[in-house]
Amino acid sequence: MSPSRDHEVAETIHLTEQNFDEALVAAQGLVMVDFWAEGCGPCRAIAPVLEEIAEASEGQVTLMKVNVGENPGLAARYGIRSIPTILFVKQGTVVDRVVGAVPKAVLQGVVLRSRP
């Protein structure tokens, strides 16, 4: 990636059971929390799409990721039974969820409905 790009790349925040609650409280706007695992093909397929959406939002959407293999307590807490699962969180409250590697348009629709 070239440092001369005109826009800033959105930072992806990797969450653990230790920093999850604090990170969600500190986040402004809409947060997409991607529950994923190593070796999950659909998770790898949707990851760049989520990154594109966060980058295009100009700071209004934050992407955070939870590795369910390393953080099973968070997966259990949110009833994650299939991956990838993306939770859409606003002001600490889950406002929507998408399960599976869905088309970009589906994710964009959730983002548009969830933003102020």
C-alpha atoms as a PDB file:
ATOM      1  CA  MET A   1       0.000   0.000   0.000  1.00  0.00           C
ATOM      2  CA  SER A   2       1.341   3.369  -0.961  1.00  0.00           C
ATOM      3  CA  PRO A   3       1.580   6.116   1.662  1.00  0.00           C
ATOM      4  CA  SER A   4       0.488   8.641  -0.992  1.00  0.00           C
ATOM      5  CA  ARG A   5      -3.120   7.456  -1.032  1.00  0.00           C
ATOM      6  CA  ASP A   6      -5.710  10.180  -0.669  1.00  0.00           C
ATOM      7  CA  HIS A   7      -7.745   8.524   2.074  1.00  0.00           C
ATOM      8  CA  GLU A   8      -6.843   6.889   5.325  1.00  0.00           C
ATOM      9  CA  VAL A   9      -7.302   3.132   5.602  1.00  0.00           C
ATOM     10  CA  ALA A  10      -9.764   2.136   8.297  1.00  0.00           C
ATOM     11  CA  GLU A  11      -8.094   0.323  11.163  1.00  0.00           C
ATOM     12  CA  THR A  12      -9.419  -3.106  12.101  1.00  0.00           C
ATOM     13  CA  ILE A  13      -9.502  -3.675  15.855  1.00  0.00           C
ATOM     14  CA  HIS A  14      -8.905  -7.222  17.083  1.00  0.00           C
ATOM     15  CA  LEU A  15     -10.986  -7.946  20.173  1.00  0.00           C
ATOM     16  CA  THR A  16     -10.434 -10.379  23.009  1.00  0.00           C
ATOM     17  CA  GLU A  17     -12.485 -11.290  26.045  1.00  0.00           C
ATOM     18  CA  GLN A  18     -10.303  -8.803  27.974  1.00  0.00           C
ATOM     19  CA  ASN A  19     -10.844  -5.727  25.762  1.00  0.00           C
ATOM     20  CA  PHE A  20     -14.249  -6.383  24.158  1.00  0.00           C
ATOM     21  CA  ASP A  21     -16.561  -4.363  26.429  1.00  0.00           C
ATOM     22  CA  GLU A  22     -14.170  -1.431  26.733  1.00  0.00           C
ATOM     23  CA  ALA A  23     -13.646  -1.244  22.968  1.00  0.00           C
ATOM     24  CA  LEU A  24     -17.379  -1.265  22.219  1.00  0.00           C
ATOM     25  CA  VAL A  25     -18.084   1.466  24.771  1.00  0.00           C
ATOM     26  CA  ALA A  26     -15.284   3.633  23.353  1.00  0.00           C
ATOM     27  CA  ALA A  27     -16.392   3.211  19.726  1.00  0.00           C
ATOM     28  CA  GLN A  28     -18.251   6.014  18.002  1.00  0.00           C
ATOM     29  CA  GLY A  29     -20.942   5.332  15.428  1.00  0.00           C
ATOM     30  CA  LEU A  30     -21.719   1.879  14.079  1.00  0.00           C
ATOM     31  CA  VAL A  31     -19.465  -1.085  14.837  1.00  0.00           C
ATOM     32  CA  MET A  32     -19.315  -4.254  12.732  1.00  0.00           C
ATOM     33  CA  VAL A  33     -18.064  -7.114  14.915  1.00  0.00           C
ATOM     34  CA  ASP A  34     -16.873  -9.988  12.736  1.00  0.00           C
ATOM     35  CA  PHE A  35     -16.832 -13.353  14.541  1.00  0.00           C
ATOM     36  CA  TRP A  36     -14.450 -15.587  12.544  1.00  0.00           C
ATOM     37  CA  ALA A  37     -11.986 -18.466  12.860  1.00  0.00           C
ATOM     38  CA  GLU A  38      -8.758 -19.670  11.294  1.00  0.00           C
ATOM     39  CA  GLY A  39      -9.396 -22.093   8.456  1.00  0.00           C
ATOM     40  CA  CYS A  40     -12.888 -20.738   7.738  1.00  0.00           C
ATOM     41  CA  GLY A  41     -13.170 -20.180   3.981  1.00  0.00           C
ATOM     42  CA  PRO A  42     -16.322 -18.034   4.109  1.00  0.00           C
ATOM     43  CA  CYS A  43     -14.668 -15.909   6.832  1.00  0.00           C
ATOM     44  CA  ARG A  44     -11.696 -15.241   4.547  1.00  0.00           C
ATOM     45  CA  ALA A  45     -14.062 -14.441   1.672  1.00  0.00           C
ATOM     46  CA  ILE A  46     -16.066 -11.810   3.546  1.00  0.00           C
ATOM     47  CA  ALA A  47     -13.147 -10.126   5.370  1.00  0.00           C
ATOM     48  CA  PRO A  48     -12.095  -7.828   2.487  1.00  0.00           C
ATOM     49  CA  VAL A  49     -15.725  -6.847   1.904  1.00  0.00           C
ATOM     50  CA  LEU A  50     -16.078  -5.768   5.538  1.00  0.00           C
ATOM     51  CA  GLU A  51     -12.820  -3.812   5.268  1.00  0.00           C
ATOM     52  CA  GLU A  52     -14.077  -2.048   2.117  1.00  0.00           C
ATOM     53  CA  ILE A  53     -17.316  -1.030   3.840  1.00  0.00           C
ATOM     54  CA  ALA A  54     -15.448   0.348   6.857  1.00  0.00           C
ATOM     55  CA  GLU A  55     -13.018   2.283   4.641  1.00  0.00           C
ATOM     56  CA  ALA A  56     -15.820   3.744   2.502  1.00  0.00           C
ATOM     57  CA  SER A  57     -17.714   4.953   5.592  1.00  0.00           C
ATOM     58  CA  GLU A  58     -15.197   7.743   6.266  1.00  0.00           C
ATOM     59  CA  GLY A  59     -14.950   6.883   9.948  1.00  0.00           C
ATOM     60  CA  GLN A  60     -18.645   6.293  10.607  1.00  0.00           C
ATOM     61  CA  VAL A  61     -18.300   2.486  10.688  1.00  0.00           C
ATOM     62  CA  THR A  62     -15.636   0.655  12.701  1.00  0.00           C
ATOM     63  CA  LEU A  63     -14.632  -2.926  11.971  1.00  0.00           C
ATOM     64  CA  MET A  64     -13.735  -5.121  14.938  1.00  0.00           C
ATOM     65  CA  LYS A  65     -12.888  -8.835  14.756  1.00  0.00           C
ATOM     66  CA  VAL A  66     -13.229 -11.687  17.252  1.00  0.00           C
ATOM     67  CA  ASN A  67     -11.433 -14.990  16.679  1.00  0.00           C
ATOM     68  CA  VAL A  68     -13.928 -17.484  18.130  1.00  0.00           C
ATOM     69  CA  GLY A  69     -11.228 -20.128  18.606  1.00  0.00           C
ATOM     70  CA  GLU A  70      -9.311 -17.825  20.933  1.00  0.00           C
ATOM     71  CA  ASN A  71     -12.383 -16.193  22.545  1.00  0.00           C
ATOM     72  CA  PRO A  72     -15.084 -18.859  22.973  1.00  0.00           C
ATOM     73  CA  GLY A  73     -16.679 -16.957  25.849  1.00  0.00           C
ATOM     74  CA  LEU A  74     -17.590 -14.049  23.564  1.00  0.00           C
ATOM     75  CA  ALA A  75     -19.035 -16.411  20.977  1.00  0.00           C
ATOM     76  CA  ALA A  76     -21.171 -18.052  23.669  1.00  0.00           C
ATOM     77  CA  ARG A  77     -22.221 -14.691  25.129  1.00  0.00           C
ATOM     78  CA  TYR A  78     -23.632 -13.571  21.765  1.00  0.00           C
ATOM     79  CA  GLY A  79     -25.033 -16.953  20.719  1.00  0.00           C
ATOM     80  CA  ILE A  80     -22.649 -17.338  17.779  1.00  0.00           C
ATOM     81  CA  ARG A  81     -23.341 -20.783  16.323  1.00  0.00           C
ATOM     82  CA  SER A  82     -22.130 -20.284  12.731  1.00  0.00           C
ATOM     83  CA  ILE A  83     -19.277 -18.259  11.307  1.00  0.00           C
ATOM     84  CA  PRO A  84     -18.824 -15.800   9.917  1.00  0.00           C
ATOM     85  CA  THR A  85     -21.364 -13.877  11.976  1.00  0.00           C
ATOM     86  CA  ILE A  86     -21.276 -10.095  11.874  1.00  0.00           C
ATOM     87  CA  LEU A  87     -22.930  -8.192  14.699  1.00  0.00           C
ATOM     88  CA  PHE A  88     -23.841  -4.569  14.077  1.00  0.00           C
ATOM     89  CA  VAL A  89     -23.503  -2.649  17.337  1.00  0.00           C
ATOM     90  CA  LYS A  90     -24.563   0.916  18.058  1.00  0.00           C
ATOM     91  CA  GLN A  91     -24.035   2.575  21.447  1.00  0.00           C
ATOM     92  CA  GLY A  92     -23.218  -0.825  22.970  1.00  0.00           C
ATOM     93  CA  THR A  93     -26.418  -2.496  21.707  1.00  0.00           C
ATOM     94  CA  VAL A  94     -26.644  -5.125  18.971  1.00  0.00           C
ATOM     95  CA  VAL A  95     -28.958  -3.623  16.342  1.00  0.00           C
ATOM     96  CA  ASP A  96     -28.615  -6.324  13.668  1.00  0.00           C
ATOM     97  CA  ARG A  97     -26.727  -9.503  12.769  1.00  0.00           C
ATOM     98  CA  VAL A  98     -25.782 -11.238   9.547  1.00  0.00           C
ATOM     99  CA  VAL A  99     -24.764 -14.904   9.398  1.00  0.00           C
ATOM    100  CA  GLY A 100     -22.682 -16.266   6.546  1.00  0.00           C
ATOM    101  CA  ALA A 101     -20.688 -14.822   3.666  1.00  0.00           C
ATOM    102  CA  VAL A 102     -23.461 -12.693   2.202  1.00  0.00           C
ATOM    103  CA  PRO A 103     -23.164 -10.332  -0.785  1.00  0.00           C
ATOM    104  CA  LYS A 104     -21.714  -6.870  -0.190  1.00  0.00           C
ATOM    105  CA  ALA A 105     -25.091  -5.264  -0.992  1.00  0.00           C
ATOM    106  CA  VAL A 106     -26.709  -7.062   1.965  1.00  0.00           C
ATOM    107  CA  LEU A 107     -24.061  -5.725   4.358  1.00  0.00           C
ATOM    108  CA  GLN A 108     -24.306  -2.226   2.887  1.00  0.00           C
ATOM    109  CA  GLY A 109     -28.071  -2.319   3.384  1.00  0.00           C
ATOM    110  CA  VAL A 110     -27.665  -3.149   7.079  1.00  0.00           C
ATOM    111  CA  VAL A 111     -25.116  -0.347   7.469  1.00  0.00           C
ATOM    112  CA  LEU A 112     -27.436   2.183   5.795  1.00  0.00           C
ATOM    113  CA  ARG A 113     -30.396   1.149   7.966  1.00  0.00           C
ATOM    114  CA  SER A 114     -28.284   1.281  11.142  1.00  0.00           C
ATOM    115  CA  ARG A 115     -26.556   4.614  10.668  1.00  0.00           C
ATOM    116  CA  PRO A 116     -28.045   7.841  12.009  1.00  0.00           C
END
